[in-house]
N, C-alpha and C. Protein backbone atom coordinates (compact mmCIF):
# COMPACT_ATOMS: atom_id res chain seq x y z
N MET A 1 57.42 67.03 114.88
CA MET A 1 58.02 67.59 116.06
C MET A 1 58.77 68.89 115.74
N ARG A 2 59.44 68.90 114.58
CA ARG A 2 60.17 70.09 114.16
C ARG A 2 59.20 71.25 113.90
N LEU A 3 58.04 70.93 113.33
CA LEU A 3 57.02 71.94 113.06
C LEU A 3 56.49 72.53 114.37
N LEU A 4 56.32 71.69 115.37
CA LEU A 4 55.85 72.16 116.68
C LEU A 4 56.86 73.11 117.31
N ARG A 5 58.14 72.73 117.27
CA ARG A 5 59.18 73.61 117.83
C ARG A 5 59.23 74.95 117.11
N SER A 6 59.20 74.90 115.80
CA SER A 6 59.23 76.14 115.02
C SER A 6 58.00 76.99 115.32
N GLY A 7 56.85 76.35 115.43
CA GLY A 7 55.62 77.07 115.75
C GLY A 7 55.68 77.72 117.13
N MET A 8 56.26 77.01 118.09
CA MET A 8 56.40 77.58 119.44
C MET A 8 57.35 78.78 119.43
N ILE A 9 58.42 78.68 118.64
CA ILE A 9 59.35 79.81 118.54
C ILE A 9 58.65 81.01 117.93
N PHE A 10 57.92 80.81 116.84
CA PHE A 10 57.16 81.90 116.22
C PHE A 10 56.14 82.47 117.20
N LEU A 11 55.48 81.61 117.94
CA LEU A 11 54.47 82.05 118.91
C LEU A 11 55.11 82.92 120.00
N VAL A 12 56.22 82.49 120.54
CA VAL A 12 56.91 83.26 121.59
C VAL A 12 57.41 84.59 121.04
N VAL A 13 58.01 84.58 119.85
CA VAL A 13 58.50 85.82 119.25
C VAL A 13 57.32 86.76 118.97
N GLY A 14 56.22 86.24 118.45
CA GLY A 14 55.04 87.06 118.16
C GLY A 14 54.46 87.69 119.41
N VAL A 15 54.34 86.90 120.47
CA VAL A 15 53.82 87.44 121.74
C VAL A 15 54.78 88.49 122.29
N SER A 16 56.08 88.23 122.20
CA SER A 16 57.07 89.20 122.68
C SER A 16 56.98 90.51 121.91
N LEU A 17 56.88 90.42 120.59
CA LEU A 17 56.73 91.64 119.79
C LEU A 17 55.44 92.38 120.12
N LEU A 18 54.37 91.64 120.34
CA LEU A 18 53.10 92.27 120.69
C LEU A 18 53.20 93.00 122.02
N VAL A 19 53.80 92.36 123.01
CA VAL A 19 53.98 93.00 124.32
C VAL A 19 54.85 94.25 124.19
N ALA A 20 55.94 94.14 123.42
CA ALA A 20 56.82 95.29 123.22
C ALA A 20 56.09 96.43 122.51
N THR A 21 55.25 96.10 121.55
CA THR A 21 54.47 97.12 120.84
C THR A 21 53.50 97.81 121.79
N ILE A 22 52.86 97.04 122.64
CA ILE A 22 51.93 97.62 123.60
C ILE A 22 52.67 98.52 124.60
N LEU A 23 53.84 98.08 125.05
CA LEU A 23 54.62 98.88 125.99
C LEU A 23 55.13 100.17 125.34
N ARG A 24 55.39 100.13 124.04
CA ARG A 24 55.89 101.32 123.32
C ARG A 24 54.77 102.29 122.95
N ALA A 25 53.53 101.99 123.28
CA ALA A 25 52.40 102.82 122.85
C ALA A 25 52.28 104.12 123.64
N LYS A 26 53.11 104.31 124.65
CA LYS A 26 53.02 105.55 125.42
C LYS A 26 53.44 106.73 124.53
N PRO A 27 52.91 107.90 124.82
CA PRO A 27 53.21 109.08 123.98
C PRO A 27 54.68 109.47 124.00
N ILE A 28 55.15 109.93 122.85
CA ILE A 28 56.49 110.49 122.70
C ILE A 28 56.29 111.98 122.44
N MET A 29 56.89 112.83 123.26
CA MET A 29 56.73 114.28 123.08
C MET A 29 58.08 114.92 122.77
N MET A 30 58.05 115.86 121.83
CA MET A 30 59.24 116.64 121.47
C MET A 30 58.83 118.10 121.41
N SER A 31 59.63 118.97 121.92
CA SER A 31 59.38 120.40 121.80
C SER A 31 60.54 120.98 121.01
N VAL A 32 60.22 121.61 119.90
CA VAL A 32 61.26 122.12 119.01
C VAL A 32 60.93 123.55 118.61
N GLY A 33 61.95 124.29 118.29
CA GLY A 33 61.73 125.65 117.84
C GLY A 33 62.99 126.19 117.22
N TYR A 34 62.83 127.26 116.47
CA TYR A 34 64.00 127.91 115.91
C TYR A 34 63.72 129.40 115.79
N ALA A 35 64.75 130.17 115.96
CA ALA A 35 64.66 131.61 115.81
C ALA A 35 66.07 132.15 115.87
N PRO A 36 66.43 133.17 115.20
CA PRO A 36 65.66 133.93 114.21
C PRO A 36 65.95 133.50 112.78
N PHE A 37 66.67 132.39 112.56
CA PHE A 37 67.02 132.00 111.21
C PHE A 37 66.04 130.96 110.68
N PRO A 38 65.47 131.16 109.50
CA PRO A 38 64.52 130.20 108.93
C PRO A 38 65.23 128.95 108.42
N ASP A 39 64.62 127.82 108.67
CA ASP A 39 65.17 126.54 108.23
C ASP A 39 64.12 125.46 108.45
N VAL A 40 64.43 124.23 108.06
CA VAL A 40 63.53 123.11 108.33
C VAL A 40 63.76 122.63 109.76
N LEU A 41 62.76 121.99 110.32
CA LEU A 41 62.89 121.41 111.65
C LEU A 41 63.07 119.91 111.49
N GLY A 42 64.03 119.38 112.17
CA GLY A 42 64.22 117.94 112.11
C GLY A 42 65.65 117.62 111.80
N PRO A 43 65.92 116.42 111.43
CA PRO A 43 64.98 115.35 111.11
C PRO A 43 64.44 114.63 112.35
N PHE A 44 63.22 114.13 112.23
CA PHE A 44 62.57 113.37 113.29
C PHE A 44 62.24 111.99 112.77
N LEU A 45 62.43 110.98 113.62
CA LEU A 45 62.01 109.62 113.28
C LEU A 45 60.55 109.51 113.68
N LEU A 46 59.66 109.47 112.70
CA LEU A 46 58.23 109.35 112.96
C LEU A 46 57.78 107.94 112.65
N GLU A 47 56.88 107.43 113.48
CA GLU A 47 56.34 106.09 113.33
C GLU A 47 54.94 106.16 112.76
N PRO A 48 54.45 105.08 112.16
CA PRO A 48 53.08 105.09 111.63
C PRO A 48 52.05 105.01 112.75
N ARG A 49 51.90 106.09 113.46
CA ARG A 49 50.88 106.23 114.49
C ARG A 49 50.48 107.69 114.55
N LYS A 50 49.50 108.02 115.34
CA LYS A 50 48.97 109.38 115.39
C LYS A 50 50.07 110.36 115.79
N THR A 51 50.15 111.45 115.05
CA THR A 51 51.12 112.51 115.34
C THR A 51 50.35 113.82 115.45
N THR A 52 50.63 114.57 116.50
CA THR A 52 50.00 115.87 116.70
C THR A 52 51.09 116.93 116.75
N ILE A 53 50.90 117.99 115.99
CA ILE A 53 51.81 119.13 116.02
C ILE A 53 51.02 120.33 116.52
N VAL A 54 51.56 121.00 117.55
CA VAL A 54 50.94 122.21 118.10
C VAL A 54 51.89 123.36 117.82
N LEU A 55 51.37 124.41 117.20
CA LEU A 55 52.16 125.61 116.97
C LEU A 55 52.07 126.48 118.22
N LYS A 56 53.07 126.37 119.09
CA LYS A 56 53.05 127.16 120.33
C LYS A 56 53.27 128.63 120.05
N ASP A 57 54.11 128.92 119.07
CA ASP A 57 54.35 130.31 118.67
C ASP A 57 54.86 130.28 117.24
N VAL A 58 54.48 131.30 116.46
CA VAL A 58 54.93 131.35 115.07
C VAL A 58 54.92 132.80 114.60
N SER A 59 55.88 133.13 113.74
CA SER A 59 55.93 134.45 113.14
C SER A 59 56.32 134.28 111.68
N PRO A 60 55.52 134.73 110.75
CA PRO A 60 54.25 135.45 110.83
C PRO A 60 53.11 134.55 111.30
N GLN A 61 51.95 135.13 111.47
CA GLN A 61 50.84 134.42 112.09
C GLN A 61 50.17 133.36 111.22
N ASN A 62 50.12 133.53 109.93
CA ASN A 62 49.40 132.60 109.05
C ASN A 62 50.42 131.81 108.23
N VAL A 63 50.59 130.51 108.52
CA VAL A 63 51.63 129.70 107.88
C VAL A 63 51.06 128.37 107.41
N THR A 64 51.87 127.67 106.64
CA THR A 64 51.59 126.29 106.24
C THR A 64 52.61 125.40 106.93
N VAL A 65 52.13 124.32 107.54
CA VAL A 65 53.01 123.34 108.16
C VAL A 65 53.02 122.13 107.25
N ALA A 66 54.22 121.74 106.81
CA ALA A 66 54.37 120.60 105.90
C ALA A 66 55.32 119.59 106.51
N VAL A 67 54.99 118.31 106.36
CA VAL A 67 55.84 117.22 106.83
C VAL A 67 56.37 116.52 105.58
N VAL A 68 57.71 116.46 105.47
CA VAL A 68 58.36 115.98 104.26
C VAL A 68 59.29 114.82 104.60
N ALA A 69 59.23 113.75 103.82
CA ALA A 69 60.13 112.61 104.01
C ALA A 69 61.56 113.05 103.69
N ALA A 70 62.50 112.61 104.52
CA ALA A 70 63.90 113.04 104.37
C ALA A 70 64.48 112.65 103.02
N GLN A 71 64.10 111.49 102.49
CA GLN A 71 64.68 111.06 101.22
C GLN A 71 64.20 111.91 100.04
N SER A 72 63.12 112.69 100.22
CA SER A 72 62.63 113.52 99.13
C SER A 72 63.00 114.99 99.30
N TRP A 73 63.84 115.30 100.28
CA TRP A 73 64.22 116.69 100.53
C TRP A 73 65.72 116.88 100.37
N ARG A 74 66.07 117.89 99.60
CA ARG A 74 67.46 118.34 99.48
C ARG A 74 67.51 119.77 100.01
N ALA A 75 68.51 120.09 100.78
CA ALA A 75 68.60 121.40 101.42
C ALA A 75 68.61 122.54 100.41
N THR A 76 69.08 122.29 99.21
CA THR A 76 69.14 123.34 98.18
C THR A 76 67.84 123.42 97.36
N GLN A 77 66.93 122.54 97.64
CA GLN A 77 65.70 122.45 96.85
C GLN A 77 64.77 123.63 97.15
N ASN A 78 64.09 124.11 96.14
CA ASN A 78 63.11 125.16 96.30
C ASN A 78 61.91 124.61 97.07
N ILE A 79 61.38 125.37 97.99
CA ILE A 79 60.26 124.91 98.82
C ILE A 79 59.05 124.55 97.97
N SER A 80 58.83 125.28 96.89
CA SER A 80 57.65 125.02 96.06
C SER A 80 57.73 123.66 95.35
N GLU A 81 58.91 123.07 95.26
CA GLU A 81 59.08 121.78 94.60
C GLU A 81 58.93 120.60 95.54
N VAL A 82 58.76 120.87 96.83
CA VAL A 82 58.67 119.81 97.83
C VAL A 82 57.33 119.10 97.74
N ASP A 83 57.36 117.77 97.85
CA ASP A 83 56.14 116.97 97.85
C ASP A 83 55.91 116.43 99.26
N PRO A 84 55.13 117.15 100.09
CA PRO A 84 54.95 116.73 101.48
C PRO A 84 54.04 115.51 101.61
N VAL A 85 54.27 114.72 102.66
CA VAL A 85 53.37 113.61 102.96
C VAL A 85 52.14 114.13 103.69
N PHE A 86 52.28 115.31 104.29
CA PHE A 86 51.14 115.94 104.96
C PHE A 86 51.40 117.44 104.98
N ALA A 87 50.36 118.23 104.74
CA ALA A 87 50.47 119.69 104.81
C ALA A 87 49.15 120.27 105.27
N ALA A 88 49.24 121.34 106.07
CA ALA A 88 48.05 122.07 106.53
C ALA A 88 48.35 123.55 106.42
N SER A 89 47.49 124.26 105.71
CA SER A 89 47.71 125.69 105.52
C SER A 89 46.76 126.48 106.42
N GLY A 90 47.06 127.76 106.57
CA GLY A 90 46.23 128.63 107.39
C GLY A 90 46.43 128.41 108.88
N MET A 91 47.56 127.87 109.28
CA MET A 91 47.83 127.59 110.69
C MET A 91 48.27 128.87 111.40
N MET A 92 47.81 129.04 112.63
CA MET A 92 48.18 130.19 113.45
C MET A 92 48.63 129.72 114.82
N LYS A 93 49.07 130.65 115.64
CA LYS A 93 49.55 130.34 116.98
C LYS A 93 48.49 129.55 117.74
N LEU A 94 48.93 128.49 118.42
CA LEU A 94 48.13 127.58 119.24
C LEU A 94 47.23 126.65 118.43
N ASP A 95 47.35 126.65 117.10
CA ASP A 95 46.61 125.68 116.30
C ASP A 95 47.26 124.31 116.46
N ARG A 96 46.43 123.29 116.32
CA ARG A 96 46.85 121.90 116.49
C ARG A 96 46.41 121.12 115.26
N LEU A 97 47.31 120.24 114.78
CA LEU A 97 46.92 119.37 113.68
C LEU A 97 47.35 117.95 113.99
N THR A 98 46.51 117.00 113.61
CA THR A 98 46.78 115.59 113.87
C THR A 98 46.75 114.84 112.54
N PHE A 99 47.73 113.98 112.34
CA PHE A 99 47.84 113.20 111.11
C PHE A 99 48.58 111.91 111.44
N LYS A 100 48.71 111.05 110.44
CA LYS A 100 49.46 109.80 110.61
C LYS A 100 50.30 109.58 109.35
N VAL A 101 51.60 109.39 109.54
CA VAL A 101 52.45 109.05 108.39
C VAL A 101 52.24 107.58 108.09
N ALA A 102 52.33 107.24 106.81
CA ALA A 102 52.06 105.86 106.40
C ALA A 102 53.23 104.93 106.66
N VAL A 103 54.46 105.47 106.59
CA VAL A 103 55.65 104.65 106.67
C VAL A 103 56.60 105.23 107.72
N ARG A 104 57.14 104.34 108.55
CA ARG A 104 58.16 104.75 109.53
C ARG A 104 59.35 105.32 108.78
N GLY A 105 59.87 106.44 109.28
CA GLY A 105 61.03 107.01 108.63
C GLY A 105 61.43 108.34 109.22
N VAL A 106 62.39 108.95 108.57
CA VAL A 106 62.91 110.25 109.00
C VAL A 106 62.17 111.33 108.21
N TYR A 107 61.62 112.30 108.93
CA TYR A 107 60.83 113.37 108.32
C TYR A 107 61.30 114.73 108.81
N TYR A 108 61.13 115.74 107.95
CA TYR A 108 61.36 117.12 108.31
C TYR A 108 60.02 117.83 108.45
N ILE A 109 59.98 118.81 109.33
CA ILE A 109 58.79 119.65 109.47
C ILE A 109 59.17 121.02 108.96
N MET A 110 58.36 121.53 108.04
CA MET A 110 58.62 122.85 107.46
C MET A 110 57.47 123.78 107.83
N VAL A 111 57.82 124.96 108.28
CA VAL A 111 56.84 126.00 108.56
C VAL A 111 57.06 127.07 107.49
N ILE A 112 56.09 127.19 106.59
CA ILE A 112 56.24 128.01 105.39
C ILE A 112 55.24 129.16 105.41
N THR A 113 55.68 130.35 105.05
CA THR A 113 54.81 131.52 104.99
C THR A 113 53.99 131.50 103.71
N ASN A 114 53.03 132.43 103.61
CA ASN A 114 52.21 132.53 102.39
C ASN A 114 53.05 132.96 101.19
N ALA A 115 54.19 133.59 101.45
CA ALA A 115 55.08 134.02 100.37
C ALA A 115 55.94 132.86 99.86
N GLY A 116 55.83 131.69 100.46
CA GLY A 116 56.58 130.52 100.02
C GLY A 116 57.98 130.44 100.60
N GLU A 117 58.22 131.12 101.71
CA GLU A 117 59.53 131.09 102.38
C GLU A 117 59.36 130.47 103.76
N PHE A 118 60.49 130.08 104.34
CA PHE A 118 60.42 129.56 105.71
C PHE A 118 60.01 130.66 106.67
N ALA A 119 59.25 130.31 107.70
CA ALA A 119 58.83 131.27 108.72
C ALA A 119 60.05 131.78 109.46
N ASP A 120 59.98 133.02 109.93
CA ASP A 120 61.09 133.63 110.66
C ASP A 120 61.30 132.97 112.01
N GLU A 121 60.22 132.57 112.63
CA GLU A 121 60.30 132.04 113.99
C GLU A 121 59.16 131.04 114.19
N ALA A 122 59.45 129.92 114.85
CA ALA A 122 58.41 128.93 115.15
C ALA A 122 58.81 128.14 116.38
N ASP A 123 57.81 127.83 117.17
CA ASP A 123 58.01 126.99 118.35
C ASP A 123 56.90 125.94 118.31
N LEU A 124 57.28 124.69 118.20
CA LEU A 124 56.31 123.61 118.02
C LEU A 124 56.44 122.58 119.12
N ALA A 125 55.34 121.88 119.35
CA ALA A 125 55.35 120.67 120.17
C ALA A 125 54.88 119.54 119.27
N VAL A 126 55.64 118.46 119.23
CA VAL A 126 55.30 117.29 118.41
C VAL A 126 55.08 116.12 119.35
N GLU A 127 53.94 115.47 119.21
CA GLU A 127 53.62 114.32 120.06
C GLU A 127 53.16 113.16 119.19
N GLN A 128 53.69 111.98 119.46
CA GLN A 128 53.22 110.76 118.80
C GLN A 128 52.60 109.86 119.85
N TRP A 129 51.45 109.25 119.53
CA TRP A 129 50.76 108.41 120.50
C TRP A 129 50.00 107.31 119.77
N GLY A 130 49.65 106.29 120.54
CA GLY A 130 48.95 105.14 119.97
C GLY A 130 49.92 104.04 119.59
N PHE A 131 49.38 103.01 118.97
CA PHE A 131 50.19 101.86 118.56
C PHE A 131 50.91 102.15 117.25
N ALA A 132 52.16 101.73 117.16
CA ALA A 132 52.89 101.79 115.90
C ALA A 132 52.34 100.66 115.03
N GLU A 133 51.59 101.02 114.00
CA GLU A 133 50.86 100.03 113.22
C GLU A 133 51.76 99.01 112.53
N ASP A 134 52.95 99.42 112.10
CA ASP A 134 53.83 98.45 111.43
C ASP A 134 54.26 97.36 112.41
N LEU A 135 54.61 97.73 113.64
CA LEU A 135 55.00 96.72 114.64
C LEU A 135 53.82 95.84 115.04
N LEU A 136 52.64 96.45 115.09
CA LEU A 136 51.44 95.69 115.44
C LEU A 136 51.15 94.63 114.38
N TRP A 137 51.28 95.00 113.11
CA TRP A 137 51.06 94.04 112.02
C TRP A 137 52.11 92.94 112.03
N ILE A 138 53.36 93.31 112.21
CA ILE A 138 54.44 92.32 112.22
C ILE A 138 54.24 91.31 113.34
N SER A 139 53.92 91.81 114.54
CA SER A 139 53.72 90.89 115.66
C SER A 139 52.51 90.00 115.42
N GLY A 140 51.45 90.54 114.83
CA GLY A 140 50.27 89.73 114.53
C GLY A 140 50.55 88.64 113.51
N VAL A 141 51.33 88.97 112.48
CA VAL A 141 51.66 87.99 111.45
C VAL A 141 52.55 86.88 112.03
N VAL A 142 53.57 87.26 112.80
CA VAL A 142 54.46 86.25 113.39
C VAL A 142 53.67 85.36 114.36
N LEU A 143 52.81 85.97 115.15
CA LEU A 143 51.97 85.22 116.09
C LEU A 143 51.04 84.27 115.33
N GLY A 144 50.44 84.76 114.25
CA GLY A 144 49.54 83.94 113.45
C GLY A 144 50.26 82.76 112.79
N VAL A 145 51.45 83.00 112.28
CA VAL A 145 52.24 81.91 111.67
C VAL A 145 52.54 80.84 112.71
N GLY A 146 52.91 81.27 113.92
CA GLY A 146 53.18 80.31 114.99
C GLY A 146 51.97 79.47 115.33
N VAL A 147 50.81 80.10 115.43
CA VAL A 147 49.57 79.38 115.75
C VAL A 147 49.24 78.39 114.64
N VAL A 148 49.36 78.82 113.39
CA VAL A 148 49.07 77.93 112.26
C VAL A 148 50.01 76.72 112.25
N MET A 149 51.29 76.96 112.52
CA MET A 149 52.26 75.85 112.54
C MET A 149 51.93 74.84 113.65
N ILE A 150 51.54 75.35 114.81
CA ILE A 150 51.18 74.46 115.92
C ILE A 150 49.92 73.68 115.59
N VAL A 151 48.93 74.32 115.00
CA VAL A 151 47.68 73.64 114.64
C VAL A 151 47.95 72.57 113.58
N ILE A 152 48.77 72.88 112.59
CA ILE A 152 49.10 71.88 111.55
C ILE A 152 49.79 70.68 112.18
N ASP A 153 50.72 70.92 113.09
CA ASP A 153 51.41 69.82 113.77
C ASP A 153 50.43 68.95 114.55
N ARG A 154 49.52 69.58 115.26
CA ARG A 154 48.53 68.83 116.06
C ARG A 154 47.58 68.03 115.16
N VAL A 155 47.18 68.62 114.02
CA VAL A 155 46.29 67.92 113.09
C VAL A 155 47.02 66.70 112.50
N LYS A 156 48.28 66.87 112.14
CA LYS A 156 49.06 65.73 111.63
C LYS A 156 49.17 64.63 112.68
N LEU A 157 49.38 65.02 113.92
CA LEU A 157 49.48 64.04 115.01
C LEU A 157 48.16 63.30 115.20
N LEU A 158 47.04 64.00 115.13
CA LEU A 158 45.72 63.35 115.26
C LEU A 158 45.45 62.40 114.10
N ARG A 159 45.85 62.76 112.90
CA ARG A 159 45.63 61.89 111.74
C ARG A 159 46.46 60.61 111.81
N ARG A 160 47.63 60.71 112.40
CA ARG A 160 48.48 59.51 112.54
C ARG A 160 47.86 58.51 113.51
N HIS A 161 47.16 59.02 114.52
CA HIS A 161 46.57 58.14 115.53
C HIS A 161 45.23 57.54 115.08
N ASP A 162 44.66 58.05 113.99
CA ASP A 162 43.38 57.49 113.52
C ASP A 162 43.53 56.27 112.71
């Protein structure tokens, strides 16, 4: 009986998390920009789902866009020493790039010139869409544990009656 109750609790929590994950799947849009002082953009809390960055305006025209985890960035650090989780070079005005970060966390967006310095001016749109994969996995695992616990309880009950 205790196994059945625990299984039902896991089942309800798993279904609740799944519903919440589905409801959170709507796109999140951010419009960011800076001028005239060069710096990093952010920090942004990015989830493990599709992320699109659109360069609405940028100066100079040919830049590299890099996404860097906050824990690996120090403000005094040289840009060339940064280890981005995602980078795209040769980006120009109105270019769009889509990627997915592997781990939920705080990230900075850097717009870097070919000379290895921050761009003078940038205006970006950042959009995240789709399911947050970490929440989807968690809800699936909790739901699965609940189903397994209920099935085990029912099998034990059937064996007692045989």
